[in-house]
Structures are given as C-alpha cells and as structure tokens.
Amino acid sequence: MLNNSAIKVSHLVKTVTTQEGELTILKGINLDVKPGQSVAILGPSGSGKSTLLGLLAALDTPSSGEIWLDGEPLSGLDEEQKAALRKQKVSFIFQSFMLVDTLSALENVMLPAELAGVQDARDRAKRMLERVGLGHRLTHYPKQLSGGEQQRVAIARAFIGEPKVLFADEPTGNLDKHNADKVADMLFAMNQESATTLVLVTHDLHLAQRCERQLVMDDGQLFEQGVDDTAAVGE
C-alpha cells in the first residue's frame, strides 16, 4: 500500500516547548498523496502549514506519528540518511528564491546536478533555462534578474534533478500578479510534464485552485476542501 503513495502520513503530531509551556502545532495529521498529484495546503499564518511541509520533507522530526516519502519510512533515519533521501528524491521552491548571488543563472541551476554527480549538468541546465524562457539570461547574476526571472531560475533548478516530490512554499508570494501568474503557469506546466508530485503551501486561493486537491490547515488539523469541509483528512 505504501508504495502506491508519494507521501503517506499517519497520526502525525508536532509539539514544541514555549515559555508558556507545551504547544501542539500539529494534532494527529493523516494524509495520503498519490504519485503525480498536485496538492495545495491553505491556512492562516501560524496554522502549521510550514511546519507540516518541513516534516514531510524530512527537514524536521515529528513528536509522534509516521511519515513515508516515496514508500520509504522517515522514522529511524539519521540526519545524513535524511539528507541523502532529499538529495535523491526531493526539490524545493521557496518564496525568497534562494539563489546564490555569486553564481550566474546557469551555475545556480547546475549546482544541484553537479552535487549529484550528473555528467552533463551544464547542458541539462541550459535546456532547463531555455524551457523556462531564460535561454538569453544564462550568464546573468540574480541581482541582474527581475523577481519573476529569479523564480523561474529557481523552478529550473528544482526540476533539473527530476525529483519525485516538489515542495513549494509560497512560490509566488514575492511577485506581482503578472509575474505570479507567469511563474505559476511555468510551475504547473513543468510539473505536469515531469509527472512530479507537487505539495504547495500558499495563501493564494487562486493558485491553490490550480492544484488537484486543496487542503486547509486549521488549529493543527488538516481538512480536505471540496469533499467535506468538516472532515479531517484521513478520518
């Protein structure tokens, strides 16, 4: 059963210690995402969206519960093993682009492929940048690019490693509407072509509606929209 899921979560709980005492951020989350699905997670600030994303991507450890990523259980993995799993199967797109200022667009896209030992990293990076409409910006540095162009470089970088799962945290949050729409078009087109599983955290309802599924995080629980807004996912 687990091998049929890109992501599977069972009874996931995350508790942190604050000055006021124990705070439970996630309260028994259940989730099953099939390979190739696009899933949006909506919810107000502080609802636990980014916490959940970090757990799914093996960037953080749950207080209890189980997570499987592409059929592999995360429990029991040490930090080195988690890093290896992310390197092999996961990519990220962030709101703040996260490009290396001292590298050109081409070098930024090449970087994860080179770290993974890909032999034709430069040629592959060129093709990816051409795919996002930036074939004429190969030698430009991030500060020479617009916000929309920087995020398109980030998209090219995310897809160069052919990830099983792509996690996107507010990928259009720093862009005006024109550039946000353009970047979203590029993201969904490339995601569909690559058959990558997409998990998208956003405040943007319009962006979320472009995903196959819309989930809402509220008070530490996850609810599926469009099926039964009163039922927690997995219940």
Protein backbone atom coordinates (compact mmCIF):
# COMPACT_ATOMS: atom_id res chain seq x y z
CA MET A 1 0.00 0.00 0.00
CA LEU A 2 2.75 2.43 0.95
CA ASN A 3 4.49 2.02 -2.39
CA ASN A 4 1.39 3.43 -4.09
CA SER A 5 1.83 6.72 -2.23
CA ALA A 6 4.25 9.53 -2.92
CA ILE A 7 3.63 10.76 0.62
CA LYS A 8 1.82 8.98 3.41
CA VAL A 9 1.31 10.40 6.90
CA SER A 10 -0.21 8.61 9.87
CA HIS A 11 -1.25 10.30 13.14
CA LEU A 12 1.41 12.99 12.86
CA VAL A 13 1.89 15.14 15.95
CA LYS A 14 4.33 18.02 16.46
CA THR A 15 4.73 19.60 19.89
CA VAL A 16 7.18 22.34 20.86
CA THR A 17 8.15 23.86 24.18
CA THR A 18 7.43 27.58 24.63
CA GLN A 19 7.69 29.99 27.56
CA GLU A 20 4.02 29.33 28.21
CA GLY A 21 4.52 25.56 28.18
CA GLU A 22 3.90 22.80 25.65
CA LEU A 23 2.33 23.90 22.36
CA THR A 24 0.90 21.31 19.97
CA ILE A 25 1.24 22.62 16.40
CA LEU A 26 0.03 19.50 14.56
CA LYS A 27 -2.69 17.34 16.08
CA GLY A 28 -2.76 13.88 14.57
CA ILE A 29 -2.45 14.63 10.85
CA ASN A 30 -3.34 11.86 8.36
CA LEU A 31 -2.57 12.30 4.67
CA ASP A 32 -2.13 10.20 1.55
CA VAL A 33 -0.80 11.81 -1.65
CA LYS A 34 -0.61 9.71 -4.80
CA PRO A 35 2.33 9.95 -7.25
CA GLY A 36 1.90 12.84 -9.68
CA GLN A 37 -0.81 14.58 -7.67
CA SER A 38 -0.72 18.32 -7.03
CA VAL A 39 -1.85 19.29 -3.54
CA ALA A 40 -2.27 22.78 -2.09
CA ILE A 41 -2.19 23.42 1.65
CA LEU A 42 -4.01 26.60 2.68
CA GLY A 43 -4.48 28.21 6.05
CA PRO A 44 -3.76 31.34 8.09
CA SER A 45 -0.29 32.25 9.31
CA GLY A 46 0.65 30.20 12.33
CA SER A 47 -1.70 27.34 11.47
CA GLY A 48 1.12 24.85 10.98
CA LYS A 49 1.45 24.75 7.17
CA SER A 50 5.19 25.33 7.01
CA THR A 51 5.76 23.03 9.99
CA LEU A 52 3.97 20.24 8.13
CA LEU A 53 5.97 20.95 4.97
CA GLY A 54 9.23 20.72 6.89
CA LEU A 55 8.22 17.38 8.38
CA LEU A 56 7.14 15.94 5.03
CA ALA A 57 10.47 16.98 3.51
CA ALA A 58 12.45 15.36 6.35
CA LEU A 59 13.77 18.75 7.47
CA ASP A 60 12.29 18.28 10.94
CA THR A 61 11.31 15.37 13.19
CA PRO A 62 7.74 14.76 14.43
CA SER A 63 6.93 14.30 18.10
CA SER A 64 4.97 11.19 17.15
CA GLY A 65 3.40 9.58 14.11
CA GLU A 66 4.83 8.18 10.89
CA ILE A 67 5.80 9.65 7.51
CA TRP A 68 6.65 7.70 4.35
CA LEU A 69 8.28 9.52 1.43
CA ASP A 70 8.10 7.65 -1.88
CA GLY A 71 7.46 4.48 0.09
CA GLU A 72 10.38 4.93 2.49
CA PRO A 73 9.73 5.46 6.22
CA LEU A 74 11.45 8.53 7.65
CA SER A 75 11.41 7.22 11.22
CA GLY A 76 14.75 5.78 12.20
CA LEU A 77 16.76 7.73 9.61
CA ASP A 78 19.62 9.85 10.93
CA GLU A 79 20.32 13.33 9.55
CA GLU A 80 22.82 12.04 6.99
CA GLN A 81 20.32 9.49 5.68
CA LYS A 82 17.58 12.12 5.53
CA ALA A 83 19.88 14.43 3.58
CA ALA A 84 20.64 11.62 1.14
CA LEU A 85 16.93 10.91 0.70
CA ARG A 86 16.20 14.59 -0.01
CA LYS A 87 19.07 14.78 -2.46
CA GLN A 88 17.74 11.75 -4.33
CA LYS A 89 14.00 12.41 -4.32
CA VAL A 90 13.08 15.96 -3.30
CA SER A 91 13.32 19.52 -4.60
CA PHE A 92 12.21 22.84 -3.15
CA ILE A 93 10.95 26.20 -4.35
CA PHE A 94 10.80 28.99 -1.78
CA GLN A 95 9.18 32.41 -1.62
CA SER A 96 12.59 34.10 -1.34
CA PHE A 97 14.09 32.35 -4.42
CA MET A 98 17.20 31.15 -2.50
CA LEU A 99 19.61 31.70 -5.41
CA VAL A 100 23.35 32.04 -4.81
CA ASP A 101 24.21 35.68 -5.55
CA THR A 102 27.75 34.91 -6.71
CA LEU A 103 26.63 32.33 -9.29
CA SER A 104 25.12 33.02 -12.69
CA ALA A 105 21.67 31.73 -13.62
CA LEU A 106 23.29 28.78 -15.40
CA GLU A 107 25.55 28.00 -12.44
CA ASN A 108 22.64 28.20 -9.99
CA VAL A 109 20.67 25.65 -12.00
CA MET A 110 23.73 23.44 -12.50
CA LEU A 111 24.59 23.35 -8.79
CA PRO A 112 22.28 20.53 -7.56
CA ALA A 113 23.05 18.43 -10.66
CA GLU A 114 26.79 18.83 -10.11
CA LEU A 115 26.43 17.91 -6.43
CA ALA A 116 24.55 14.79 -7.53
CA GLY A 117 27.38 13.86 -9.90
CA VAL A 118 25.40 14.40 -13.12
CA GLN A 119 27.88 14.30 -16.04
CA ASP A 120 26.02 16.62 -18.41
CA ALA A 121 24.97 19.15 -15.76
CA ARG A 122 25.81 22.21 -17.89
CA ASP A 123 23.90 21.04 -20.96
CA ARG A 124 20.96 19.96 -18.85
CA ALA A 125 20.92 23.33 -17.04
CA LYS A 126 20.92 25.17 -20.36
CA ARG A 127 17.92 23.14 -21.53
CA MET A 128 16.06 23.80 -18.29
CA LEU A 129 16.65 27.55 -18.53
CA GLU A 130 15.54 27.54 -22.16
CA ARG A 131 12.43 25.67 -21.04
CA VAL A 132 11.53 28.49 -18.60
CA GLY A 133 12.22 31.15 -21.21
CA LEU A 134 15.60 32.27 -19.90
CA GLY A 135 17.96 30.94 -22.55
CA HIS A 136 19.15 34.53 -23.08
CA ARG A 137 19.94 35.03 -19.37
CA LEU A 138 22.44 32.21 -18.80
CA THR A 139 25.31 34.43 -17.69
CA HIS A 140 23.23 36.92 -15.70
CA TYR A 141 23.53 37.01 -11.91
CA PRO A 142 20.47 37.09 -9.61
CA LYS A 143 20.78 40.85 -8.98
CA GLN A 144 20.58 41.38 -12.75
CA LEU A 145 17.28 39.49 -12.96
CA SER A 146 13.75 40.54 -12.06
CA GLY A 147 11.90 38.76 -9.28
CA GLY A 148 9.91 36.76 -11.80
CA GLU A 149 13.06 35.75 -13.65
CA GLN A 150 14.77 34.73 -10.40
CA GLN A 151 11.84 32.49 -9.50
CA ARG A 152 11.93 30.92 -12.98
CA VAL A 153 15.62 30.14 -12.40
CA ALA A 154 14.57 28.55 -9.10
CA ILE A 155 11.97 26.45 -10.94
CA ALA A 156 14.57 25.29 -13.46
CA ARG A 157 16.90 24.40 -10.58
CA ALA A 158 14.13 22.48 -8.82
CA PHE A 159 13.34 20.31 -11.83
CA ILE A 160 16.88 19.61 -13.07
CA GLY A 161 17.22 16.65 -10.70
CA GLU A 162 13.94 15.08 -11.84
CA PRO A 163 12.56 14.95 -8.27
CA LYS A 164 9.87 12.54 -7.17
CA VAL A 165 8.35 15.24 -4.94
CA LEU A 166 8.50 19.02 -5.22
CA PHE A 167 7.74 21.13 -2.15
CA ALA A 168 6.84 24.75 -2.86
CA ASP A 169 6.44 27.24 -0.01
CA GLU A 170 4.61 30.41 -1.17
CA PRO A 171 6.37 30.25 -4.58
CA THR A 172 4.63 33.40 -5.89
CA GLY A 173 4.45 35.26 -2.60
CA ASN A 174 7.12 37.86 -3.51
CA LEU A 175 5.81 38.57 -7.01
CA ASP A 176 3.30 40.99 -8.50
CA LYS A 177 0.22 39.48 -10.12
CA HIS A 178 1.60 39.47 -13.66
CA ASN A 179 4.82 37.70 -12.67
CA ALA A 180 2.98 35.45 -10.20
CA ASP A 181 0.68 34.21 -12.96
CA LYS A 182 3.62 33.69 -15.32
CA VAL A 183 5.61 31.76 -12.73
CA ALA A 184 2.56 29.67 -11.79
CA ASP A 185 1.97 28.78 -15.45
CA MET A 186 5.59 27.65 -15.72
CA LEU A 187 5.48 25.69 -12.47
CA PHE A 188 2.35 23.73 -13.34
CA ALA A 189 3.41 23.11 -16.95
CA MET A 190 6.77 21.68 -15.91
CA ASN A 191 5.23 19.74 -13.06
CA GLN A 192 2.77 18.09 -15.43
CA GLU A 193 5.49 17.27 -17.96
CA SER A 194 7.68 15.74 -15.26
CA ALA A 195 4.84 13.86 -13.50
CA THR A 196 6.29 15.14 -10.23
CA THR A 197 4.21 15.12 -7.06
CA LEU A 198 3.66 18.74 -6.01
CA VAL A 199 2.91 19.87 -2.46
CA LEU A 200 2.26 23.60 -2.42
CA VAL A 201 1.84 25.83 0.65
CA THR A 202 0.14 29.12 -0.18
CA HIS A 203 -2.20 31.88 0.99
CA ASP A 204 -3.29 32.39 -2.62
CA LEU A 205 -6.66 30.70 -3.22
CA HIS A 206 -6.38 31.22 -6.99
CA LEU A 207 -3.03 29.42 -7.04
CA ALA A 208 -4.37 26.66 -4.79
CA GLN A 209 -7.33 26.06 -7.09
CA ARG A 210 -4.93 25.11 -9.87
CA CYS A 211 -3.94 22.04 -7.83
CA GLU A 212 -5.92 18.80 -8.00
CA ARG A 213 -6.55 18.86 -4.24
CA GLN A 214 -6.96 21.71 -1.77
CA LEU A 215 -6.32 21.06 1.92
CA VAL A 216 -6.87 23.57 4.72
CA MET A 217 -4.80 23.67 7.89
CA ASP A 218 -6.79 24.93 10.86
CA ASP A 219 -5.86 24.71 14.52
CA GLY A 220 -3.35 21.95 13.91
CA GLN A 221 -5.65 19.77 11.83
CA LEU A 222 -5.88 19.21 8.09
CA PHE A 223 -9.19 19.35 6.21
CA GLU A 224 -9.97 18.50 2.59
CA GLN A 225 -11.87 21.14 0.64
CA GLY A 226 -14.42 20.25 -1.96
CA VAL A 227 -15.29 16.86 -0.47
CA ASP A 228 -16.44 17.54 3.08
CA ASP A 229 -15.12 20.71 4.66
CA THR A 230 -15.96 19.37 8.12
CA ALA A 231 -14.00 16.12 7.88
CA ALA A 232 -10.34 15.93 8.78
CA VAL A 233 -8.16 14.25 6.18
CA GLY A 234 -7.87 10.52 6.80
CA GLU A 235 -10.71 10.36 9.30
